[in-house]
Amino acid sequence: MTLKQTPSQTVGPYFAYGLCPEQYNFDLRSIFTPNVVDPDARGEHIRIVGQVFDGAGATVGDAMIEVTQVDAEGRYPQSRDDVLATGFRGFARVGTGTDPQQRFIVETVKPASTGADEAPHLNVTVLMRGILLHAFTRIYFEDEAAANEADAVLQSVPADRRATLIARRDPDALNSYRFDIHMQGERETVFFDV
């Protein structure tokens, strides 16, 4: 008998429980948390708050968001010792199922630009029920207009779709940005083939 490769399948609503166990009050320790940084990490501390919406416009309560980014000086951490010394991990993982409003909240520092043709941004991976492969997007910042105009990736997106990649400052919360992810529909977030 010859065994063939099985097809991809959805991971179901249980993956966030296994990958974010502390958020769901399991006795297992989470390897990663919603915090990219420790409170004493250098840089402008910010918070990203958002929700994931399905094609019908309903919030998704079992999505998981992963964020990777550079620090306030434009560097990724190079080692565990680097993380311990700087308080910057460069990675966060958060589920939407534990917040009463089904939000994801990421505590981080505003990243630096790593080059003349790249605006400060966060790389985002979305995992949720109903999708076979995770989706990749980016979060840019509305108060980085000049850098956004020079960003090669953002400029490759049709002008009428770029707003789906821009986090907006929350006027009611200090150092907080709002960024919602729409999986389908009229306001569908731009996703990238990586």
N, C-alpha and C. Protein backbone atom coordinates (compact mmCIF):
# COMPACT_ATOMS: atom_id res chain seq x y z
N MET A 1 0.83 -1.16 0.00
CA MET A 1 0.00 0.00 0.00
C MET A 1 0.89 1.25 0.00
N THR A 2 0.58 2.18 -0.89
CA THR A 2 1.33 3.43 -0.98
C THR A 2 0.54 4.53 -0.29
N LEU A 3 1.17 5.17 0.68
CA LEU A 3 0.51 6.27 1.38
C LEU A 3 0.84 7.57 0.68
N LYS A 4 -0.17 8.40 0.52
CA LYS A 4 0.01 9.69 -0.13
C LYS A 4 -0.13 10.80 0.89
N GLN A 5 0.38 11.95 0.52
CA GLN A 5 0.28 13.11 1.39
C GLN A 5 -1.18 13.47 1.58
N THR A 6 -1.54 13.78 2.81
CA THR A 6 -2.92 14.20 3.08
C THR A 6 -3.04 15.70 2.84
N PRO A 7 -4.24 16.16 2.51
CA PRO A 7 -4.42 17.59 2.24
C PRO A 7 -4.39 18.40 3.53
N SER A 8 -4.16 19.70 3.38
CA SER A 8 -4.26 20.60 4.52
C SER A 8 -5.70 20.60 5.01
N GLN A 9 -5.87 20.90 6.27
CA GLN A 9 -7.22 21.01 6.81
C GLN A 9 -7.25 22.12 7.85
N THR A 10 -8.44 22.61 8.13
CA THR A 10 -8.53 23.69 9.11
C THR A 10 -8.12 23.17 10.47
N VAL A 11 -7.59 24.06 11.26
CA VAL A 11 -7.10 23.67 12.58
C VAL A 11 -8.20 23.71 13.62
N GLY A 12 -9.34 24.25 13.32
CA GLY A 12 -10.45 24.25 14.27
C GLY A 12 -10.28 25.29 15.36
N PRO A 13 -11.26 25.36 16.25
CA PRO A 13 -11.25 26.39 17.28
C PRO A 13 -10.33 26.09 18.45
N TYR A 14 -9.67 24.95 18.44
CA TYR A 14 -8.87 24.54 19.60
C TYR A 14 -7.43 25.00 19.55
N PHE A 15 -6.96 25.50 18.42
CA PHE A 15 -5.53 25.79 18.30
C PHE A 15 -5.09 26.90 19.24
N ALA A 16 -5.93 27.91 19.44
CA ALA A 16 -5.54 29.00 20.33
C ALA A 16 -5.39 28.50 21.76
N TYR A 17 -6.22 27.53 22.15
CA TYR A 17 -6.11 26.98 23.51
C TYR A 17 -4.74 26.34 23.71
N GLY A 18 -4.25 25.64 22.70
CA GLY A 18 -2.97 24.97 22.82
C GLY A 18 -1.79 25.91 22.68
N LEU A 19 -1.95 26.98 21.90
CA LEU A 19 -0.84 27.89 21.65
C LEU A 19 -0.86 29.12 22.55
N CYS A 20 -1.98 29.38 23.20
CA CYS A 20 -2.11 30.50 24.14
C CYS A 20 -2.76 30.00 25.44
N PRO A 21 -2.25 28.93 26.05
CA PRO A 21 -2.97 28.30 27.15
C PRO A 21 -3.22 29.19 28.36
N GLU A 22 -2.29 30.08 28.70
CA GLU A 22 -2.50 30.93 29.87
C GLU A 22 -3.68 31.88 29.68
N GLN A 23 -3.90 32.34 28.45
CA GLN A 23 -5.04 33.21 28.19
C GLN A 23 -6.35 32.49 28.48
N TYR A 24 -6.36 31.17 28.30
CA TYR A 24 -7.58 30.39 28.48
C TYR A 24 -7.61 29.68 29.84
N ASN A 25 -6.73 30.14 30.75
CA ASN A 25 -6.67 29.65 32.13
C ASN A 25 -6.34 28.17 32.25
N PHE A 26 -5.56 27.65 31.30
CA PHE A 26 -5.06 26.29 31.43
C PHE A 26 -3.80 26.32 32.28
N ASP A 27 -3.46 25.20 32.86
CA ASP A 27 -2.29 25.11 33.72
C ASP A 27 -0.97 25.10 32.96
N LEU A 28 -1.02 25.07 31.65
CA LEU A 28 0.19 25.09 30.84
C LEU A 28 0.72 26.51 30.72
N ARG A 29 2.03 26.63 30.63
CA ARG A 29 2.64 27.95 30.45
C ARG A 29 2.73 28.28 28.97
N SER A 30 2.34 29.48 28.60
CA SER A 30 2.43 29.94 27.22
C SER A 30 3.89 30.23 26.88
N ILE A 31 4.31 29.77 25.72
CA ILE A 31 5.67 30.09 25.27
C ILE A 31 5.75 31.57 24.88
N PHE A 32 4.68 32.07 24.25
CA PHE A 32 4.64 33.47 23.83
C PHE A 32 3.39 34.13 24.40
N THR A 33 3.47 35.43 24.61
CA THR A 33 2.37 36.20 25.19
C THR A 33 1.97 37.32 24.22
N PRO A 34 0.92 38.07 24.57
CA PRO A 34 0.54 39.23 23.74
C PRO A 34 1.49 40.40 23.85
N ASN A 35 2.53 40.28 24.66
CA ASN A 35 3.47 41.39 24.86
C ASN A 35 4.76 41.14 24.08
N VAL A 36 5.05 42.03 23.14
CA VAL A 36 6.30 41.96 22.39
C VAL A 36 7.45 42.42 23.26
N VAL A 37 7.15 43.27 24.23
CA VAL A 37 8.18 43.91 25.05
C VAL A 37 7.88 43.80 26.54
N ASP A 38 8.93 43.96 27.33
CA ASP A 38 8.80 44.14 28.77
C ASP A 38 8.59 45.64 29.02
N PRO A 39 8.07 46.01 30.18
CA PRO A 39 7.80 47.44 30.45
C PRO A 39 9.03 48.34 30.36
N ASP A 40 10.22 47.79 30.58
CA ASP A 40 11.42 48.64 30.57
C ASP A 40 12.15 48.65 29.22
N ALA A 41 11.59 48.06 28.19
CA ALA A 41 12.22 48.06 26.87
C ALA A 41 12.27 49.49 26.32
N ARG A 42 13.32 49.79 25.57
CA ARG A 42 13.48 51.12 24.99
C ARG A 42 12.49 51.35 23.85
N GLY A 43 12.10 52.60 23.67
CA GLY A 43 11.22 52.97 22.57
C GLY A 43 9.89 53.50 23.05
N GLU A 44 9.09 53.96 22.09
CA GLU A 44 7.75 54.48 22.38
C GLU A 44 6.80 53.29 22.56
N HIS A 45 6.35 53.09 23.77
CA HIS A 45 5.45 51.97 24.04
C HIS A 45 4.06 52.28 23.48
N ILE A 46 3.54 51.32 22.73
CA ILE A 46 2.22 51.47 22.12
C ILE A 46 1.40 50.20 22.34
N ARG A 47 0.13 50.33 22.07
CA ARG A 47 -0.79 49.19 22.16
C ARG A 47 -1.56 49.12 20.84
N ILE A 48 -1.66 47.92 20.30
CA ILE A 48 -2.48 47.67 19.10
C ILE A 48 -3.72 46.92 19.57
N VAL A 49 -4.89 47.48 19.27
CA VAL A 49 -6.16 46.87 19.66
C VAL A 49 -6.99 46.67 18.41
N GLY A 50 -7.56 45.48 18.26
CA GLY A 50 -8.40 45.24 17.10
C GLY A 50 -9.25 44.00 17.26
N GLN A 51 -10.04 43.75 16.26
CA GLN A 51 -10.88 42.55 16.20
C GLN A 51 -10.71 41.92 14.83
N VAL A 52 -11.01 40.65 14.76
CA VAL A 52 -11.02 39.92 13.49
C VAL A 52 -12.48 39.72 13.12
N PHE A 53 -12.84 40.06 11.88
CA PHE A 53 -14.21 39.92 11.40
C PHE A 53 -14.26 38.90 10.28
N ASP A 54 -15.30 38.07 10.28
CA ASP A 54 -15.47 37.10 9.19
C ASP A 54 -16.21 37.77 8.03
N GLY A 55 -16.50 36.99 6.99
CA GLY A 55 -17.13 37.54 5.80
C GLY A 55 -18.51 38.10 6.02
N ALA A 56 -19.20 37.65 7.08
CA ALA A 56 -20.53 38.16 7.40
C ALA A 56 -20.48 39.38 8.31
N GLY A 57 -19.27 39.79 8.70
CA GLY A 57 -19.12 40.96 9.56
C GLY A 57 -19.20 40.65 11.05
N ALA A 58 -19.21 39.37 11.40
CA ALA A 58 -19.25 38.98 12.81
C ALA A 58 -17.83 38.85 13.35
N THR A 59 -17.66 39.20 14.63
CA THR A 59 -16.34 39.05 15.23
C THR A 59 -16.01 37.57 15.39
N VAL A 60 -14.73 37.25 15.24
CA VAL A 60 -14.26 35.88 15.35
C VAL A 60 -13.66 35.71 16.75
N GLY A 61 -14.23 34.80 17.52
CA GLY A 61 -13.80 34.61 18.90
C GLY A 61 -12.75 33.54 19.08
N ASP A 62 -12.33 32.91 18.00
CA ASP A 62 -11.31 31.86 18.14
C ASP A 62 -10.17 32.05 17.16
N ALA A 63 -9.89 33.30 16.82
CA ALA A 63 -8.75 33.59 15.95
C ALA A 63 -7.49 33.71 16.80
N MET A 64 -6.36 33.56 16.16
CA MET A 64 -5.09 33.78 16.82
C MET A 64 -4.24 34.67 15.93
N ILE A 65 -3.62 35.67 16.54
CA ILE A 65 -2.80 36.64 15.84
C ILE A 65 -1.36 36.47 16.31
N GLU A 66 -0.44 36.46 15.36
CA GLU A 66 0.99 36.47 15.68
C GLU A 66 1.59 37.73 15.06
N VAL A 67 2.45 38.39 15.82
CA VAL A 67 3.08 39.63 15.38
C VAL A 67 4.59 39.48 15.46
N THR A 68 5.29 39.88 14.40
CA THR A 68 6.75 39.98 14.43
C THR A 68 7.12 41.40 14.01
N GLN A 69 8.21 41.89 14.58
CA GLN A 69 8.62 43.26 14.26
C GLN A 69 10.05 43.50 14.70
N VAL A 70 10.60 44.62 14.21
CA VAL A 70 11.89 45.10 14.69
C VAL A 70 11.64 46.02 15.88
N ASP A 71 12.69 46.33 16.62
CA ASP A 71 12.56 47.20 17.78
C ASP A 71 12.63 48.67 17.36
N ALA A 72 12.73 49.55 18.34
CA ALA A 72 12.75 50.99 18.08
C ALA A 72 14.03 51.45 17.39
N GLU A 73 15.01 50.55 17.28
CA GLU A 73 16.26 50.87 16.59
C GLU A 73 16.38 50.11 15.26
N GLY A 74 15.32 49.39 14.88
CA GLY A 74 15.31 48.69 13.60
C GLY A 74 15.97 47.33 13.60
N ARG A 75 16.06 46.69 14.78
CA ARG A 75 16.74 45.39 14.88
C ARG A 75 15.80 44.31 15.40
N TYR A 76 15.97 43.11 14.88
CA TYR A 76 15.33 41.93 15.46
C TYR A 76 16.24 41.39 16.55
N PRO A 77 15.71 40.79 17.60
CA PRO A 77 16.58 40.19 18.60
C PRO A 77 17.40 39.06 17.98
N GLN A 78 18.65 38.94 18.40
CA GLN A 78 19.55 37.96 17.80
C GLN A 78 19.75 36.71 18.65
N SER A 79 19.40 36.79 19.93
CA SER A 79 19.61 35.65 20.82
C SER A 79 18.74 35.80 22.05
N ARG A 80 18.70 34.74 22.83
CA ARG A 80 17.96 34.80 24.10
C ARG A 80 18.59 35.83 25.03
N ASP A 81 19.92 35.90 25.04
CA ASP A 81 20.60 36.89 25.87
C ASP A 81 20.23 38.31 25.43
N ASP A 82 20.08 38.52 24.14
CA ASP A 82 19.67 39.82 23.61
C ASP A 82 18.28 40.17 24.13
N VAL A 83 17.36 39.21 24.10
CA VAL A 83 16.00 39.42 24.61
C VAL A 83 16.04 39.78 26.10
N LEU A 84 16.82 39.02 26.87
CA LEU A 84 16.92 39.29 28.31
C LEU A 84 17.52 40.66 28.60
N ALA A 85 18.48 41.08 27.79
CA ALA A 85 19.16 42.37 28.01
C ALA A 85 18.29 43.56 27.61
N THR A 86 17.50 43.41 26.55
CA THR A 86 16.74 44.55 26.03
C THR A 86 15.27 44.56 26.43
N GLY A 87 14.72 43.40 26.81
CA GLY A 87 13.29 43.32 27.10
C GLY A 87 12.43 43.30 25.86
N PHE A 88 13.06 43.10 24.70
CA PHE A 88 12.34 43.09 23.42
C PHE A 88 12.42 41.70 22.81
N ARG A 89 11.25 41.07 22.61
CA ARG A 89 11.19 39.72 22.05
C ARG A 89 11.01 39.70 20.54
N GLY A 90 10.36 40.71 19.99
CA GLY A 90 10.15 40.76 18.55
C GLY A 90 9.01 39.90 18.07
N PHE A 91 8.31 39.22 18.99
CA PHE A 91 7.23 38.30 18.61
C PHE A 91 6.17 38.29 19.71
N ALA A 92 4.92 38.24 19.29
CA ALA A 92 3.80 38.10 20.23
C ALA A 92 2.76 37.17 19.62
N ARG A 93 2.02 36.53 20.50
CA ARG A 93 0.92 35.64 20.06
C ARG A 93 -0.26 35.91 20.98
N VAL A 94 -1.43 36.13 20.38
CA VAL A 94 -2.63 36.43 21.17
C VAL A 94 -3.86 35.81 20.52
N GLY A 95 -4.72 35.23 21.34
CA GLY A 95 -6.00 34.71 20.88
C GLY A 95 -7.09 35.74 21.13
N THR A 96 -8.17 35.67 20.35
CA THR A 96 -9.27 36.63 20.52
C THR A 96 -10.35 36.09 21.45
N GLY A 97 -10.22 34.87 21.92
CA GLY A 97 -11.30 34.23 22.66
C GLY A 97 -11.41 34.54 24.12
N THR A 98 -10.50 35.29 24.69
CA THR A 98 -10.58 35.54 26.12
C THR A 98 -11.02 36.96 26.45
N ASP A 99 -11.06 37.83 25.50
CA ASP A 99 -11.50 39.20 25.72
C ASP A 99 -13.02 39.26 25.57
N PRO A 100 -13.72 39.94 26.47
CA PRO A 100 -15.19 40.01 26.37
C PRO A 100 -15.68 40.58 25.04
N GLN A 101 -14.87 41.44 24.41
CA GLN A 101 -15.24 42.03 23.12
C GLN A 101 -14.58 41.31 21.95
N GLN A 102 -13.97 40.15 22.23
CA GLN A 102 -13.27 39.34 21.23
C GLN A 102 -12.22 40.14 20.47
N ARG A 103 -11.45 40.92 21.24
CA ARG A 103 -10.39 41.73 20.66
C ARG A 103 -9.05 41.02 20.81
N PHE A 104 -8.09 41.46 20.03
CA PHE A 104 -6.69 41.13 20.30
C PHE A 104 -6.04 42.43 20.76
N ILE A 105 -5.17 42.32 21.74
CA ILE A 105 -4.45 43.48 22.28
C ILE A 105 -2.99 43.10 22.36
N VAL A 106 -2.15 43.87 21.68
CA VAL A 106 -0.71 43.61 21.65
C VAL A 106 0.01 44.81 22.24
N GLU A 107 0.84 44.55 23.24
CA GLU A 107 1.67 45.59 23.86
C GLU A 107 3.05 45.51 23.21
N THR A 108 3.53 46.65 22.70
CA THR A 108 4.80 46.64 21.98
C THR A 108 5.45 48.02 22.02
N VAL A 109 6.48 48.20 21.23
CA VAL A 109 7.06 49.52 20.99
C VAL A 109 6.91 49.81 19.51
N LYS A 110 6.83 51.09 19.19
CA LYS A 110 6.70 51.45 17.78
C LYS A 110 8.01 51.09 17.08
N PRO A 111 7.94 50.31 16.01
CA PRO A 111 9.17 49.90 15.34
C PRO A 111 9.80 51.03 14.54
N ALA A 112 11.08 50.90 14.34
CA ALA A 112 11.80 51.86 13.49
C ALA A 112 11.69 51.42 12.04
N SER A 113 12.02 52.32 11.17
CA SER A 113 12.15 51.98 9.75
C SER A 113 13.50 51.30 9.56
N THR A 114 13.55 50.28 8.73
CA THR A 114 14.82 49.58 8.50
C THR A 114 15.50 50.00 7.22
N GLY A 115 14.90 50.95 6.49
CA GLY A 115 15.50 51.42 5.25
C GLY A 115 14.69 52.55 4.67
N ALA A 116 15.24 53.23 3.67
CA ALA A 116 14.56 54.37 3.06
C ALA A 116 13.26 53.99 2.37
N ASP A 117 13.15 52.74 1.92
CA ASP A 117 11.94 52.33 1.20
C ASP A 117 11.05 51.43 2.06
N GLU A 118 11.19 51.54 3.39
CA GLU A 118 10.36 50.72 4.27
C GLU A 118 9.89 51.55 5.45
N ALA A 119 8.57 51.68 5.58
CA ALA A 119 7.98 52.42 6.70
C ALA A 119 7.92 51.52 7.92
N PRO A 120 7.85 52.11 9.11
CA PRO A 120 7.66 51.30 10.31
C PRO A 120 6.38 50.47 10.17
N HIS A 121 6.47 49.20 10.51
CA HIS A 121 5.31 48.32 10.38
C HIS A 121 5.47 47.09 11.26
N LEU A 122 4.38 46.39 11.46
CA LEU A 122 4.35 45.10 12.13
C LEU A 122 3.94 44.05 11.10
N ASN A 123 4.56 42.90 11.15
CA ASN A 123 4.14 41.77 10.31
C ASN A 123 3.15 40.94 11.11
N VAL A 124 2.03 40.59 10.49
CA VAL A 124 0.94 39.92 11.19
C VAL A 124 0.57 38.62 10.48
N THR A 125 0.40 37.58 11.27
CA THR A 125 -0.10 36.30 10.77
C THR A 125 -1.44 36.03 11.44
N VAL A 126 -2.44 35.67 10.64
CA VAL A 126 -3.77 35.39 11.17
C VAL A 126 -4.08 33.91 10.97
N LEU A 127 -4.47 33.25 12.05
CA LEU A 127 -4.90 31.87 12.00
C LEU A 127 -6.31 31.81 12.59
N MET A 128 -7.19 31.06 11.96
CA MET A 128 -8.56 30.97 12.48
C MET A 128 -9.30 29.82 11.81
N ARG A 129 -10.44 29.52 12.35
CA ARG A 129 -11.29 28.47 11.78
C ARG A 129 -11.65 28.82 10.34
N GLY A 130 -11.80 27.79 9.54
CA GLY A 130 -12.28 27.99 8.19
C GLY A 130 -11.24 28.35 7.15
N ILE A 131 -10.01 28.64 7.55
CA ILE A 131 -8.98 28.90 6.55
C ILE A 131 -7.95 27.78 6.60
N LEU A 132 -7.56 27.31 5.43
CA LEU A 132 -6.64 26.18 5.37
C LEU A 132 -5.21 26.59 5.65
N LEU A 133 -4.83 27.77 5.21
CA LEU A 133 -3.48 28.27 5.44
C LEU A 133 -3.58 29.63 6.11
N HIS A 134 -2.63 29.92 6.96
CA HIS A 134 -2.67 31.21 7.64
C HIS A 134 -2.52 32.35 6.64
N ALA A 135 -2.99 33.52 7.05
CA ALA A 135 -2.96 34.70 6.19
C ALA A 135 -1.94 35.70 6.74
N PHE A 136 -1.25 36.39 5.83
CA PHE A 136 -0.22 37.35 6.21
C PHE A 136 -0.65 38.76 5.82
N THR A 137 -0.46 39.70 6.73
CA THR A 137 -0.72 41.09 6.43
C THR A 137 0.29 41.96 7.18
N ARG A 138 0.14 43.25 7.07
CA ARG A 138 1.01 44.19 7.78
C ARG A 138 0.17 45.26 8.44
N ILE A 139 0.75 45.86 9.48
CA ILE A 139 0.15 47.02 10.13
C ILE A 139 1.12 48.19 9.96
N TYR A 140 0.64 49.22 9.26
CA TYR A 140 1.37 50.47 9.15
C TYR A 140 0.68 51.49 10.06
N PHE A 141 1.28 52.65 10.26
CA PHE A 141 0.76 53.64 11.20
C PHE A 141 0.37 54.91 10.48
N GLU A 142 -0.81 55.44 10.83
CA GLU A 142 -1.31 56.64 10.15
C GLU A 142 -0.42 57.85 10.38
N ASP A 143 0.29 57.90 11.50
CA ASP A 143 1.14 59.07 11.78
C ASP A 143 2.54 58.93 11.20
N GLU A 144 2.72 58.03 10.25
CA GLU A 144 3.98 57.85 9.53
C GLU A 144 3.74 58.08 8.03
N ALA A 145 2.98 59.12 7.70
CA ALA A 145 2.53 59.36 6.33
C ALA A 145 3.69 59.45 5.33
N ALA A 146 4.73 60.19 5.66
CA ALA A 146 5.85 60.34 4.72
C ALA A 146 6.55 58.99 4.49
N ALA A 147 6.79 58.25 5.54
CA ALA A 147 7.42 56.94 5.39
C ALA A 147 6.51 55.98 4.63
N ASN A 148 5.20 56.06 4.89
CA ASN A 148 4.26 55.19 4.17
C ASN A 148 4.28 55.47 2.67
N GLU A 149 4.43 56.74 2.30
CA GLU A 149 4.48 57.11 0.88
C GLU A 149 5.72 56.53 0.19
N ALA A 150 6.78 56.28 0.95
CA ALA A 150 8.02 55.75 0.38
C ALA A 150 8.13 54.23 0.50
N ASP A 151 7.18 53.60 1.20
CA ASP A 151 7.27 52.16 1.43
C ASP A 151 6.93 51.38 0.16
N ALA A 152 7.88 50.57 -0.31
CA ALA A 152 7.71 49.84 -1.57
C ALA A 152 6.56 48.84 -1.51
N VAL A 153 6.41 48.15 -0.38
CA VAL A 153 5.34 47.16 -0.26
C VAL A 153 3.99 47.85 -0.23
N LEU A 154 3.85 48.87 0.60
CA LEU A 154 2.58 49.57 0.70
C LEU A 154 2.20 50.22 -0.63
N GLN A 155 3.17 50.76 -1.34
CA GLN A 155 2.89 51.40 -2.62
C GLN A 155 2.53 50.38 -3.71
N SER A 156 2.87 49.11 -3.49
CA SER A 156 2.49 48.07 -4.46
C SER A 156 1.02 47.67 -4.33
N VAL A 157 0.38 48.10 -3.27
CA VAL A 157 -1.04 47.82 -3.03
C VAL A 157 -1.86 48.89 -3.74
N PRO A 158 -2.95 48.51 -4.43
CA PRO A 158 -3.79 49.52 -5.07
C PRO A 158 -4.20 50.61 -4.07
N ALA A 159 -4.18 51.85 -4.50
CA ALA A 159 -4.41 53.01 -3.62
C ALA A 159 -5.70 52.89 -2.83
N ASP A 160 -6.76 52.36 -3.45
CA ASP A 160 -8.04 52.29 -2.76
C ASP A 160 -8.09 51.18 -1.70
N ARG A 161 -7.06 50.34 -1.62
CA ARG A 161 -7.02 49.25 -0.64
C ARG A 161 -6.01 49.51 0.49
N ARG A 162 -5.16 50.51 0.35
CA ARG A 162 -4.09 50.75 1.33
C ARG A 162 -4.62 51.03 2.73
N ALA A 163 -5.78 51.65 2.83
CA ALA A 163 -6.33 52.00 4.15
C ALA A 163 -6.56 50.76 5.01
N THR A 164 -6.71 49.60 4.39
CA THR A 164 -6.93 48.37 5.18
C THR A 164 -5.67 47.94 5.92
N LEU A 165 -4.54 48.56 5.63
CA LEU A 165 -3.28 48.22 6.27
C LEU A 165 -2.81 49.29 7.27
N ILE A 166 -3.62 50.32 7.48
CA ILE A 166 -3.20 51.45 8.30
C ILE A 166 -3.90 51.41 9.66
N ALA A 167 -3.11 51.39 10.73
CA ALA A 167 -3.64 51.49 12.09
C ALA A 167 -3.88 52.96 12.41
N ARG A 168 -5.00 53.23 13.03
CA ARG A 168 -5.39 54.60 13.37
C ARG A 168 -5.18 54.85 14.86
N ARG A 169 -4.64 56.01 15.19
CA ARG A 169 -4.47 56.37 16.61
C ARG A 169 -5.84 56.51 17.25
N ASP A 170 -5.97 55.94 18.44
CA ASP A 170 -7.20 56.07 19.21
C ASP A 170 -7.14 57.37 19.98
N PRO A 171 -8.01 58.34 19.66
CA PRO A 171 -7.95 59.63 20.34
C PRO A 171 -8.30 59.56 21.83
N ASP A 172 -8.94 58.48 22.23
CA ASP A 172 -9.38 58.36 23.62
C ASP A 172 -8.42 57.54 24.49
N ALA A 173 -7.38 56.97 23.89
CA ALA A 173 -6.45 56.13 24.66
C ALA A 173 -5.01 56.52 24.32
N LEU A 174 -4.23 56.80 25.32
CA LEU A 174 -2.85 57.22 25.13
C LEU A 174 -2.03 56.11 24.48
N ASN A 175 -1.31 56.44 23.41
CA ASN A 175 -0.41 55.52 22.70
C ASN A 175 -1.09 54.23 22.25
N SER A 176 -2.34 54.34 21.84
CA SER A 176 -3.07 53.16 21.38
C SER A 176 -3.50 53.35 19.93
N TYR A 177 -3.40 52.26 19.17
CA TYR A 177 -3.80 52.26 17.77
C TYR A 177 -4.90 51.21 17.57
N ARG A 178 -5.81 51.50 16.67
CA ARG A 178 -6.87 50.56 16.33
C ARG A 178 -6.57 49.96 14.96
N PHE A 179 -6.63 48.61 14.89
CA PHE A 179 -6.42 47.92 13.62
C PHE A 179 -7.31 46.69 13.59
N ASP A 180 -8.35 46.72 12.76
CA ASP A 180 -9.24 45.59 12.60
C ASP A 180 -8.85 44.79 11.36
N ILE A 181 -9.07 43.50 11.43
CA ILE A 181 -8.75 42.60 10.33
C ILE A 181 -10.06 42.04 9.80
N HIS A 182 -10.35 42.30 8.53
CA HIS A 182 -11.56 41.80 7.86
C HIS A 182 -11.13 40.70 6.90
N MET A 183 -11.58 39.49 7.16
CA MET A 183 -11.16 38.34 6.37
C MET A 183 -11.77 38.32 4.97
N GLN A 184 -12.94 38.90 4.81
CA GLN A 184 -13.62 38.96 3.51
C GLN A 184 -14.53 40.19 3.50
N GLY A 185 -15.16 40.42 2.37
CA GLY A 185 -16.16 41.47 2.28
C GLY A 185 -15.63 42.75 1.68
N GLU A 186 -16.46 43.80 1.74
CA GLU A 186 -16.12 45.08 1.13
C GLU A 186 -14.88 45.72 1.75
N ARG A 187 -14.67 45.50 3.02
CA ARG A 187 -13.52 46.10 3.72
C ARG A 187 -12.41 45.07 3.96
N GLU A 188 -12.35 44.03 3.13
CA GLU A 188 -11.35 42.98 3.31
C GLU A 188 -9.95 43.56 3.43
N THR A 189 -9.24 43.10 4.45
CA THR A 189 -7.85 43.50 4.66
C THR A 189 -7.00 42.94 3.53
N VAL A 190 -5.99 43.67 3.13
CA VAL A 190 -5.04 43.17 2.12
C VAL A 190 -4.19 42.11 2.78
N PHE A 191 -4.11 40.94 2.14
CA PHE A 191 -3.25 39.85 2.59
C PHE A 191 -2.20 39.61 1.51
N PHE A 192 -1.03 39.16 1.94
CA PHE A 192 0.10 38.99 1.03
C PHE A 192 0.44 37.52 0.85
N ASP A 193 0.87 37.16 -0.36
CA ASP A 193 1.42 35.83 -0.61
C ASP A 193 2.87 35.88 -0.18
N VAL A 194 3.22 35.09 0.80
CA VAL A 194 4.60 35.08 1.31
C VAL A 194 5.21 33.73 1.05
